[in-house]
Amino acid sequence: VTEWILVVLCIGLVFVVELLNTAIEYITDLVSPGFHQTAGKIKDIAAGAVLISAITAAIAGLIIFLPKIF
């Protein structure tokens, strides 16, 4: 049961970070409609947060499921 709770939390974490990334991108587009180098960096950082959360969730999934597969 604990492992499934962790899997669900990891999935939820990735969804939440993705939604925050989308919100940051919309706010950045609203505040800076034209091209701005700093706005691009903000969007890259938010996308990096999504990538890190997805990698973390994948590692947790591997730790949980690989021993069961092998």
N, C-alpha and C. Protein backbone atom coordinates (compact mmCIF):
# COMPACT_ATOMS: atom_id res chain seq x y z
N VAL A 1 0.83 -1.20 0.00
CA VAL A 1 0.00 0.00 0.00
C VAL A 1 0.88 1.26 0.00
N THR A 2 1.94 1.23 0.75
CA THR A 2 2.83 2.40 0.83
C THR A 2 3.44 2.71 -0.54
N GLU A 3 3.83 1.68 -1.26
CA GLU A 3 4.42 1.90 -2.58
C GLU A 3 3.42 2.54 -3.54
N TRP A 4 2.16 2.10 -3.48
CA TRP A 4 1.15 2.69 -4.37
C TRP A 4 0.87 4.14 -3.99
N ILE A 5 0.90 4.43 -2.71
CA ILE A 5 0.72 5.82 -2.28
C ILE A 5 1.85 6.68 -2.84
N LEU A 6 3.08 6.18 -2.78
CA LEU A 6 4.21 6.93 -3.33
C LEU A 6 4.09 7.11 -4.84
N VAL A 7 3.63 6.09 -5.54
CA VAL A 7 3.44 6.20 -6.99
C VAL A 7 2.40 7.27 -7.32
N VAL A 8 1.29 7.25 -6.60
CA VAL A 8 0.23 8.24 -6.83
C VAL A 8 0.73 9.65 -6.50
N LEU A 9 1.49 9.79 -5.42
CA LEU A 9 2.05 11.09 -5.07
C LEU A 9 3.03 11.60 -6.13
N CYS A 10 3.84 10.70 -6.67
CA CYS A 10 4.77 11.10 -7.73
C CYS A 10 4.03 11.55 -8.98
N ILE A 11 3.00 10.83 -9.35
CA ILE A 11 2.20 11.21 -10.52
C ILE A 11 1.54 12.57 -10.27
N GLY A 12 0.97 12.74 -9.08
CA GLY A 12 0.35 14.02 -8.74
C GLY A 12 1.35 15.16 -8.74
N LEU A 13 2.57 14.90 -8.25
CA LEU A 13 3.61 15.93 -8.25
C LEU A 13 3.92 16.40 -9.66
N VAL A 14 4.06 15.47 -10.58
CA VAL A 14 4.37 15.84 -11.96
C VAL A 14 3.23 16.66 -12.57
N PHE A 15 1.99 16.27 -12.32
CA PHE A 15 0.85 17.03 -12.83
C PHE A 15 0.81 18.45 -12.24
N VAL A 16 1.05 18.57 -10.95
CA VAL A 16 1.02 19.88 -10.30
C VAL A 16 2.12 20.78 -10.85
N VAL A 17 3.33 20.24 -11.01
CA VAL A 17 4.43 21.05 -11.53
C VAL A 17 4.15 21.44 -12.99
N GLU A 18 3.55 20.55 -13.76
CA GLU A 18 3.19 20.89 -15.14
C GLU A 18 2.15 22.01 -15.18
N LEU A 19 1.17 21.96 -14.29
CA LEU A 19 0.17 23.04 -14.24
C LEU A 19 0.82 24.36 -13.82
N LEU A 20 1.74 24.32 -12.86
CA LEU A 20 2.44 25.54 -12.46
C LEU A 20 3.29 26.08 -13.62
N ASN A 21 3.91 25.19 -14.37
CA ASN A 21 4.68 25.60 -15.54
C ASN A 21 3.78 26.32 -16.55
N THR A 22 2.62 25.76 -16.80
CA THR A 22 1.69 26.38 -17.74
C THR A 22 1.25 27.75 -17.24
N ALA A 23 0.97 27.86 -15.95
CA ALA A 23 0.57 29.15 -15.38
C ALA A 23 1.69 30.17 -15.50
N ILE A 24 2.91 29.75 -15.24
CA ILE A 24 4.06 30.66 -15.36
C ILE A 24 4.23 31.12 -16.80
N GLU A 25 4.04 30.21 -17.75
CA GLU A 25 4.17 30.58 -19.16
C GLU A 25 3.09 31.59 -19.56
N TYR A 26 1.85 31.37 -19.12
CA TYR A 26 0.77 32.31 -19.45
C TYR A 26 1.03 33.69 -18.82
N ILE A 27 1.46 33.69 -17.57
CA ILE A 27 1.74 34.97 -16.90
C ILE A 27 2.90 35.69 -17.59
N THR A 28 3.92 34.93 -17.97
CA THR A 28 5.06 35.53 -18.66
C THR A 28 4.64 36.12 -20.00
N ASP A 29 3.78 35.42 -20.73
CA ASP A 29 3.29 35.94 -22.01
C ASP A 29 2.43 37.19 -21.81
N LEU A 30 1.68 37.23 -20.71
CA LEU A 30 0.83 38.38 -20.42
C LEU A 30 1.67 39.60 -20.07
N VAL A 31 2.68 39.41 -19.25
CA VAL A 31 3.51 40.52 -18.79
C VAL A 31 4.46 40.98 -19.89
N SER A 32 4.99 40.02 -20.66
CA SER A 32 5.97 40.35 -21.69
C SER A 32 5.53 39.74 -23.01
N PRO A 33 4.59 40.39 -23.72
CA PRO A 33 4.07 39.78 -24.96
C PRO A 33 5.12 39.69 -26.08
N GLY A 34 6.05 40.62 -26.11
CA GLY A 34 7.12 40.55 -27.11
C GLY A 34 8.24 39.65 -26.63
N PHE A 35 9.24 39.47 -27.48
CA PHE A 35 10.38 38.64 -27.09
C PHE A 35 11.23 39.39 -26.08
N HIS A 36 11.54 38.71 -25.00
CA HIS A 36 12.44 39.25 -24.01
C HIS A 36 13.30 38.11 -23.49
N GLN A 37 14.59 38.35 -23.39
CA GLN A 37 15.53 37.29 -23.02
C GLN A 37 15.23 36.75 -21.62
N THR A 38 14.91 37.62 -20.69
CA THR A 38 14.60 37.17 -19.33
C THR A 38 13.33 36.33 -19.29
N ALA A 39 12.33 36.71 -20.09
CA ALA A 39 11.09 35.92 -20.15
C ALA A 39 11.38 34.51 -20.65
N GLY A 40 12.27 34.41 -21.62
CA GLY A 40 12.66 33.09 -22.13
C GLY A 40 13.35 32.26 -21.06
N LYS A 41 14.20 32.90 -20.25
CA LYS A 41 14.87 32.18 -19.17
C LYS A 41 13.88 31.70 -18.12
N ILE A 42 12.89 32.54 -17.81
CA ILE A 42 11.86 32.15 -16.84
C ILE A 42 11.12 30.91 -17.33
N LYS A 43 10.75 30.90 -18.60
CA LYS A 43 10.05 29.74 -19.15
C LYS A 43 10.93 28.50 -19.15
N ASP A 44 12.22 28.68 -19.44
CA ASP A 44 13.15 27.54 -19.42
C ASP A 44 13.30 26.96 -18.02
N ILE A 45 13.36 27.83 -17.02
CA ILE A 45 13.49 27.36 -15.64
C ILE A 45 12.25 26.59 -15.22
N ALA A 46 11.08 27.11 -15.58
CA ALA A 46 9.83 26.42 -15.24
C ALA A 46 9.77 25.05 -15.93
N ALA A 47 10.19 24.99 -17.19
CA ALA A 47 10.21 23.71 -17.91
C ALA A 47 11.23 22.76 -17.28
N GLY A 48 12.34 23.31 -16.79
CA GLY A 48 13.33 22.49 -16.10
C GLY A 48 12.77 21.88 -14.83
N ALA A 49 11.92 22.62 -14.13
CA ALA A 49 11.29 22.08 -12.92
C ALA A 49 10.40 20.89 -13.27
N VAL A 50 9.69 20.98 -14.39
CA VAL A 50 8.86 19.85 -14.83
C VAL A 50 9.74 18.65 -15.16
N LEU A 51 10.84 18.90 -15.84
CA LEU A 51 11.75 17.81 -16.20
C LEU A 51 12.31 17.14 -14.96
N ILE A 52 12.74 17.92 -13.99
CA ILE A 52 13.30 17.35 -12.76
C ILE A 52 12.25 16.53 -12.02
N SER A 53 11.02 17.04 -11.94
CA SER A 53 9.98 16.28 -11.24
C SER A 53 9.66 14.99 -11.98
N ALA A 54 9.66 15.02 -13.31
CA ALA A 54 9.39 13.80 -14.09
C ALA A 54 10.51 12.78 -13.92
N ILE A 55 11.75 13.24 -13.92
CA ILE A 55 12.88 12.33 -13.72
C ILE A 55 12.83 11.72 -12.33
N THR A 56 12.51 12.54 -11.33
CA THR A 56 12.41 12.04 -9.96
C THR A 56 11.30 10.99 -9.85
N ALA A 57 10.17 11.24 -10.48
CA ALA A 57 9.07 10.27 -10.45
C ALA A 57 9.47 8.98 -11.17
N ALA A 58 10.19 9.11 -12.27
CA ALA A 58 10.63 7.92 -13.00
C ALA A 58 11.61 7.09 -12.17
N ILE A 59 12.52 7.75 -11.48
CA ILE A 59 13.48 7.04 -10.62
C ILE A 59 12.74 6.32 -9.49
N ALA A 60 11.77 7.01 -8.89
CA ALA A 60 10.98 6.37 -7.83
C ALA A 60 10.24 5.16 -8.38
N GLY A 61 9.68 5.29 -9.58
CA GLY A 61 9.00 4.16 -10.21
C GLY A 61 9.94 2.99 -10.47
N LEU A 62 11.15 3.30 -10.91
CA LEU A 62 12.12 2.23 -11.14
C LEU A 62 12.51 1.54 -9.84
N ILE A 63 12.70 2.33 -8.79
CA ILE A 63 13.05 1.75 -7.49
C ILE A 63 11.94 0.83 -7.00
N ILE A 64 10.71 1.21 -7.23
CA ILE A 64 9.58 0.42 -6.75
C ILE A 64 9.32 -0.80 -7.63
N PHE A 65 9.35 -0.61 -8.97
CA PHE A 65 8.89 -1.68 -9.85
C PHE A 65 9.98 -2.61 -10.40
N LEU A 66 11.20 -2.15 -10.51
CA LEU A 66 12.25 -3.04 -11.05
C LEU A 66 12.45 -4.29 -10.21
N PRO A 67 12.49 -4.21 -8.89
CA PRO A 67 12.65 -5.47 -8.13
C PRO A 67 11.48 -6.44 -8.35
N LYS A 68 10.31 -5.93 -8.60
CA LYS A 68 9.15 -6.79 -8.83
C LYS A 68 9.20 -7.44 -10.21
N ILE A 69 9.80 -6.73 -11.18
CA ILE A 69 9.90 -7.27 -12.54
C ILE A 69 10.97 -8.36 -12.58
N PHE A 70 12.08 -8.09 -11.91
CA PHE A 70 13.18 -9.08 -11.91
C PHE A 70 13.10 -9.90 -10.66
